[in-house]
Amino acid sequence: MNVQFKKGVLELCVLVLVSKKDQYGYELAKSISEQMDVAEGTIYPLLRRLTKEQYFTTYLEESTEGPSRKYYAITAHGTAYKHRLLSEWSQFNEQVNQLIKEDSQDE
């Protein structure tokens, strides 16, 4: 998949997945990687930024498999942002699909 396509939609994917359930970084990277090829190192800077912008909060939870894990939880501010991005994505997707449809009709 085109790297620029992934970059543009990765933030929305992270917001959607964390809104379903609190997740830690590796778990989130694994969930996204099941759908698209994304390096784990791409996720962490995004998580830090979303936390800094107060879309996420974090908390530590003990793990039986090693050190404590930092979990990310979406805030009310993050939920509102996610809804706005979903609306924008829907409009953008419709516009792109319309252009593609028009191009295929011209051929």
N, C-alpha and C. Protein backbone atom coordinates (compact mmCIF):
# COMPACT_ATOMS: atom_id res chain seq x y z
N MET A 1 0.85 -1.18 0.00
CA MET A 1 0.00 0.00 0.00
C MET A 1 0.89 1.24 0.00
N ASN A 2 0.45 2.26 -0.66
CA ASN A 2 1.16 3.52 -0.74
C ASN A 2 1.40 4.10 0.65
N VAL A 3 2.65 4.48 0.93
CA VAL A 3 3.03 5.00 2.24
C VAL A 3 2.24 6.26 2.59
N GLN A 4 2.02 7.13 1.64
CA GLN A 4 1.28 8.37 1.92
C GLN A 4 -0.17 8.09 2.27
N PHE A 5 -0.77 7.08 1.63
CA PHE A 5 -2.13 6.70 1.99
C PHE A 5 -2.19 6.29 3.45
N LYS A 6 -1.23 5.44 3.86
CA LYS A 6 -1.21 4.95 5.24
C LYS A 6 -1.00 6.09 6.23
N LYS A 7 -0.06 6.98 5.93
CA LYS A 7 0.20 8.10 6.84
C LYS A 7 -1.05 8.92 7.06
N GLY A 8 -1.81 9.14 6.00
CA GLY A 8 -2.99 9.97 6.09
C GLY A 8 -4.11 9.37 6.92
N VAL A 9 -4.17 8.07 7.00
CA VAL A 9 -5.29 7.43 7.68
C VAL A 9 -4.91 6.76 9.00
N LEU A 10 -3.62 6.67 9.29
CA LEU A 10 -3.16 5.97 10.49
C LEU A 10 -3.70 6.59 11.78
N GLU A 11 -3.72 7.90 11.85
CA GLU A 11 -4.23 8.58 13.04
C GLU A 11 -5.68 8.19 13.30
N LEU A 12 -6.48 8.17 12.26
CA LEU A 12 -7.88 7.79 12.40
C LEU A 12 -8.00 6.34 12.86
N CYS A 13 -7.20 5.46 12.29
CA CYS A 13 -7.23 4.05 12.69
C CYS A 13 -6.90 3.89 14.17
N VAL A 14 -5.89 4.60 14.64
CA VAL A 14 -5.49 4.53 16.05
C VAL A 14 -6.63 5.04 16.94
N LEU A 15 -7.22 6.15 16.58
CA LEU A 15 -8.33 6.69 17.36
C LEU A 15 -9.49 5.71 17.43
N VAL A 16 -9.83 5.09 16.32
CA VAL A 16 -10.95 4.14 16.28
C VAL A 16 -10.66 2.93 17.16
N LEU A 17 -9.46 2.37 17.03
CA LEU A 17 -9.14 1.17 17.80
C LEU A 17 -9.09 1.45 19.31
N VAL A 18 -8.51 2.57 19.71
CA VAL A 18 -8.44 2.88 21.14
C VAL A 18 -9.82 3.23 21.68
N SER A 19 -10.70 3.76 20.83
CA SER A 19 -12.05 4.06 21.31
C SER A 19 -12.84 2.78 21.57
N LYS A 20 -12.47 1.70 20.93
CA LYS A 20 -13.14 0.42 21.16
C LYS A 20 -12.73 -0.19 22.50
N LYS A 21 -11.42 -0.07 22.81
CA LYS A 21 -10.91 -0.55 24.10
C LYS A 21 -9.52 0.04 24.32
N ASP A 22 -9.20 0.27 25.59
CA ASP A 22 -7.87 0.77 25.93
C ASP A 22 -6.84 -0.24 25.43
N GLN A 23 -5.74 0.27 24.89
CA GLN A 23 -4.71 -0.62 24.36
C GLN A 23 -3.33 -0.08 24.68
N TYR A 24 -2.36 -0.99 24.73
CA TYR A 24 -0.97 -0.57 24.87
C TYR A 24 -0.33 -0.56 23.48
N GLY A 25 0.81 0.09 23.35
CA GLY A 25 1.41 0.35 22.05
C GLY A 25 1.60 -0.87 21.17
N TYR A 26 2.23 -1.92 21.71
CA TYR A 26 2.48 -3.10 20.90
C TYR A 26 1.18 -3.76 20.46
N GLU A 27 0.22 -3.82 21.35
CA GLU A 27 -1.08 -4.41 21.03
C GLU A 27 -1.75 -3.64 19.88
N LEU A 28 -1.66 -2.34 19.95
CA LEU A 28 -2.22 -1.47 18.92
C LEU A 28 -1.52 -1.68 17.58
N ALA A 29 -0.20 -1.71 17.61
CA ALA A 29 0.58 -1.93 16.38
C ALA A 29 0.21 -3.27 15.76
N LYS A 30 0.04 -4.28 16.60
CA LYS A 30 -0.33 -5.62 16.12
C LYS A 30 -1.72 -5.60 15.47
N SER A 31 -2.67 -4.91 16.11
CA SER A 31 -4.03 -4.82 15.57
C SER A 31 -4.03 -4.14 14.20
N ILE A 32 -3.29 -3.06 14.08
CA ILE A 32 -3.24 -2.34 12.81
C ILE A 32 -2.52 -3.17 11.75
N SER A 33 -1.45 -3.86 12.15
CA SER A 33 -0.68 -4.67 11.21
C SER A 33 -1.49 -5.83 10.63
N GLU A 34 -2.55 -6.22 11.30
CA GLU A 34 -3.42 -7.26 10.76
C GLU A 34 -4.16 -6.77 9.53
N GLN A 35 -4.31 -5.46 9.40
CA GLN A 35 -5.04 -4.88 8.27
C GLN A 35 -4.13 -4.25 7.22
N MET A 36 -3.01 -3.68 7.68
CA MET A 36 -2.07 -3.03 6.77
C MET A 36 -0.67 -3.12 7.33
N ASP A 37 0.31 -3.05 6.47
CA ASP A 37 1.70 -3.15 6.87
C ASP A 37 2.15 -1.83 7.49
N VAL A 38 2.36 -1.84 8.81
CA VAL A 38 2.78 -0.65 9.53
C VAL A 38 3.88 -1.04 10.50
N ALA A 39 4.97 -0.27 10.49
CA ALA A 39 6.06 -0.53 11.41
C ALA A 39 5.66 -0.10 12.82
N GLU A 40 6.06 -0.90 13.79
CA GLU A 40 5.73 -0.60 15.19
C GLU A 40 6.25 0.78 15.59
N GLY A 41 7.41 1.16 15.07
CA GLY A 41 8.02 2.44 15.39
C GLY A 41 7.23 3.63 14.88
N THR A 42 6.31 3.41 13.98
CA THR A 42 5.46 4.48 13.46
C THR A 42 4.36 4.84 14.46
N ILE A 43 3.94 3.87 15.23
CA ILE A 43 2.81 4.04 16.13
C ILE A 43 3.17 4.89 17.36
N TYR A 44 4.34 4.66 17.93
CA TYR A 44 4.68 5.33 19.20
C TYR A 44 4.75 6.85 19.11
N PRO A 45 5.37 7.43 18.08
CA PRO A 45 5.35 8.90 17.99
C PRO A 45 3.93 9.45 17.86
N LEU A 46 3.09 8.72 17.15
CA LEU A 46 1.69 9.12 16.99
C LEU A 46 0.96 9.07 18.33
N LEU A 47 1.19 8.02 19.09
CA LEU A 47 0.57 7.90 20.42
C LEU A 47 1.03 9.03 21.35
N ARG A 48 2.32 9.36 21.30
CA ARG A 48 2.82 10.47 22.13
C ARG A 48 2.16 11.79 21.74
N ARG A 49 2.03 12.02 20.44
CA ARG A 49 1.41 13.27 19.98
C ARG A 49 -0.06 13.33 20.38
N LEU A 50 -0.80 12.24 20.18
CA LEU A 50 -2.22 12.22 20.53
C LEU A 50 -2.42 12.40 22.03
N THR A 51 -1.49 11.90 22.82
CA THR A 51 -1.55 12.10 24.27
C THR A 51 -1.24 13.55 24.62
N LYS A 52 -0.21 14.10 23.99
CA LYS A 52 0.16 15.49 24.25
C LYS A 52 -0.98 16.45 23.89
N GLU A 53 -1.71 16.11 22.82
CA GLU A 53 -2.84 16.94 22.38
C GLU A 53 -4.12 16.64 23.16
N GLN A 54 -4.01 15.80 24.18
CA GLN A 54 -5.09 15.46 25.09
C GLN A 54 -6.24 14.68 24.45
N TYR A 55 -5.93 13.95 23.39
CA TYR A 55 -6.91 13.04 22.80
C TYR A 55 -6.89 11.69 23.53
N PHE A 56 -5.76 11.39 24.16
CA PHE A 56 -5.60 10.17 24.95
C PHE A 56 -5.08 10.52 26.34
N THR A 57 -5.40 9.65 27.28
CA THR A 57 -4.72 9.65 28.57
C THR A 57 -4.00 8.31 28.65
N THR A 58 -3.10 8.19 29.60
CA THR A 58 -2.37 6.93 29.76
C THR A 58 -2.42 6.49 31.21
N TYR A 59 -2.23 5.20 31.39
CA TYR A 59 -2.09 4.64 32.72
C TYR A 59 -1.26 3.37 32.61
N LEU A 60 -0.60 3.02 33.70
CA LEU A 60 0.22 1.81 33.73
C LEU A 60 -0.57 0.67 34.33
N GLU A 61 -0.36 -0.51 33.78
CA GLU A 61 -1.00 -1.71 34.32
C GLU A 61 0.03 -2.82 34.37
N GLU A 62 0.03 -3.53 35.48
CA GLU A 62 0.97 -4.65 35.65
C GLU A 62 0.74 -5.70 34.57
N SER A 63 1.82 -6.35 34.17
CA SER A 63 1.74 -7.42 33.18
C SER A 63 2.38 -8.67 33.75
N THR A 64 1.78 -9.81 33.48
CA THR A 64 2.36 -11.08 33.92
C THR A 64 3.49 -11.50 32.99
N GLU A 65 3.62 -10.81 31.87
CA GLU A 65 4.62 -11.18 30.85
C GLU A 65 5.82 -10.24 30.83
N GLY A 66 6.03 -9.45 31.87
CA GLY A 66 7.16 -8.54 31.90
C GLY A 66 6.83 -7.27 32.65
N PRO A 67 7.46 -6.16 32.22
CA PRO A 67 7.23 -4.89 32.92
C PRO A 67 5.80 -4.38 32.73
N SER A 68 5.45 -3.39 33.53
CA SER A 68 4.13 -2.76 33.40
C SER A 68 3.96 -2.21 32.00
N ARG A 69 2.72 -2.18 31.54
CA ARG A 69 2.41 -1.67 30.20
C ARG A 69 1.69 -0.34 30.31
N LYS A 70 2.03 0.54 29.39
CA LYS A 70 1.36 1.84 29.33
C LYS A 70 0.15 1.69 28.40
N TYR A 71 -1.02 1.86 28.97
CA TYR A 71 -2.26 1.77 28.19
C TYR A 71 -2.71 3.17 27.79
N TYR A 72 -3.33 3.24 26.62
CA TYR A 72 -3.88 4.49 26.10
C TYR A 72 -5.39 4.39 26.13
N ALA A 73 -6.02 5.45 26.64
CA ALA A 73 -7.49 5.53 26.71
C ALA A 73 -7.90 6.83 26.04
N ILE A 74 -8.97 6.78 25.28
CA ILE A 74 -9.44 7.98 24.58
C ILE A 74 -10.19 8.89 25.55
N THR A 75 -10.01 10.18 25.38
CA THR A 75 -10.70 11.17 26.21
C THR A 75 -11.96 11.65 25.48
N ALA A 76 -12.77 12.43 26.15
CA ALA A 76 -13.94 13.02 25.49
C ALA A 76 -13.50 13.92 24.33
N HIS A 77 -12.41 14.63 24.54
CA HIS A 77 -11.83 15.47 23.49
C HIS A 77 -11.41 14.60 22.30
N GLY A 78 -10.82 13.45 22.59
CA GLY A 78 -10.40 12.51 21.55
C GLY A 78 -11.58 11.91 20.81
N THR A 79 -12.64 11.63 21.53
CA THR A 79 -13.85 11.08 20.89
C THR A 79 -14.45 12.09 19.93
N ALA A 80 -14.51 13.35 20.34
CA ALA A 80 -15.04 14.41 19.46
C ALA A 80 -14.15 14.55 18.22
N TYR A 81 -12.84 14.48 18.43
CA TYR A 81 -11.89 14.57 17.31
C TYR A 81 -12.07 13.39 16.37
N LYS A 82 -12.23 12.19 16.93
CA LYS A 82 -12.45 10.99 16.11
C LYS A 82 -13.70 11.15 15.26
N HIS A 83 -14.78 11.64 15.83
CA HIS A 83 -16.02 11.83 15.08
C HIS A 83 -15.82 12.83 13.94
N ARG A 84 -15.07 13.89 14.22
CA ARG A 84 -14.80 14.88 13.17
C ARG A 84 -13.98 14.26 12.04
N LEU A 85 -12.95 13.48 12.40
CA LEU A 85 -12.13 12.82 11.38
C LEU A 85 -12.94 11.79 10.58
N LEU A 86 -13.82 11.07 11.26
CA LEU A 86 -14.65 10.10 10.55
C LEU A 86 -15.56 10.78 9.54
N SER A 87 -16.11 11.92 9.89
CA SER A 87 -16.94 12.68 8.97
C SER A 87 -16.12 13.17 7.78
N GLU A 88 -14.94 13.70 8.06
CA GLU A 88 -14.07 14.17 6.99
C GLU A 88 -13.64 13.02 6.09
N TRP A 89 -13.33 11.86 6.71
CA TRP A 89 -12.92 10.69 5.94
C TRP A 89 -14.06 10.24 5.02
N SER A 90 -15.27 10.22 5.54
CA SER A 90 -16.42 9.80 4.75
C SER A 90 -16.60 10.71 3.53
N GLN A 91 -16.54 12.01 3.75
CA GLN A 91 -16.67 12.95 2.63
C GLN A 91 -15.53 12.78 1.62
N PHE A 92 -14.32 12.66 2.11
CA PHE A 92 -13.15 12.50 1.25
C PHE A 92 -13.27 11.20 0.44
N ASN A 93 -13.66 10.14 1.10
CA ASN A 93 -13.81 8.84 0.45
C ASN A 93 -14.86 8.91 -0.67
N GLU A 94 -15.97 9.56 -0.39
CA GLU A 94 -17.01 9.71 -1.41
C GLU A 94 -16.50 10.50 -2.61
N GLN A 95 -15.76 11.57 -2.35
CA GLN A 95 -15.23 12.40 -3.44
C GLN A 95 -14.23 11.63 -4.29
N VAL A 96 -13.35 10.90 -3.66
CA VAL A 96 -12.36 10.10 -4.40
C VAL A 96 -13.06 9.02 -5.21
N ASN A 97 -14.02 8.34 -4.58
CA ASN A 97 -14.74 7.28 -5.30
C ASN A 97 -15.51 7.84 -6.49
N GLN A 98 -16.05 9.03 -6.35
CA GLN A 98 -16.76 9.67 -7.46
C GLN A 98 -15.80 9.96 -8.61
N LEU A 99 -14.63 10.47 -8.30
CA LEU A 99 -13.63 10.75 -9.33
C LEU A 99 -13.21 9.46 -10.03
N ILE A 100 -13.01 8.41 -9.26
CA ILE A 100 -12.62 7.12 -9.84
C ILE A 100 -13.73 6.59 -10.73
N LYS A 101 -14.96 6.70 -10.26
CA LYS A 101 -16.11 6.24 -11.04
C LYS A 101 -16.21 6.99 -12.35
N GLU A 102 -16.05 8.31 -12.31
CA GLU A 102 -16.11 9.12 -13.52
C GLU A 102 -14.98 8.74 -14.49
N ASP A 103 -13.80 8.45 -13.95
CA ASP A 103 -12.67 8.07 -14.81
C ASP A 103 -12.94 6.74 -15.49
N SER A 104 -13.52 5.77 -14.76
CA SER A 104 -13.78 4.47 -15.36
C SER A 104 -14.90 4.54 -16.39
N GLN A 105 -15.81 5.51 -16.26
CA GLN A 105 -16.88 5.67 -17.24
C GLN A 105 -16.36 6.31 -18.52
N ASP A 106 -15.28 7.10 -18.41
CA ASP A 106 -14.70 7.76 -19.57
C ASP A 106 -13.93 6.78 -20.45
N GLU A 107 -13.53 5.67 -19.91
CA GLU A 107 -12.71 4.72 -20.67
C GLU A 107 -13.52 3.86 -21.58
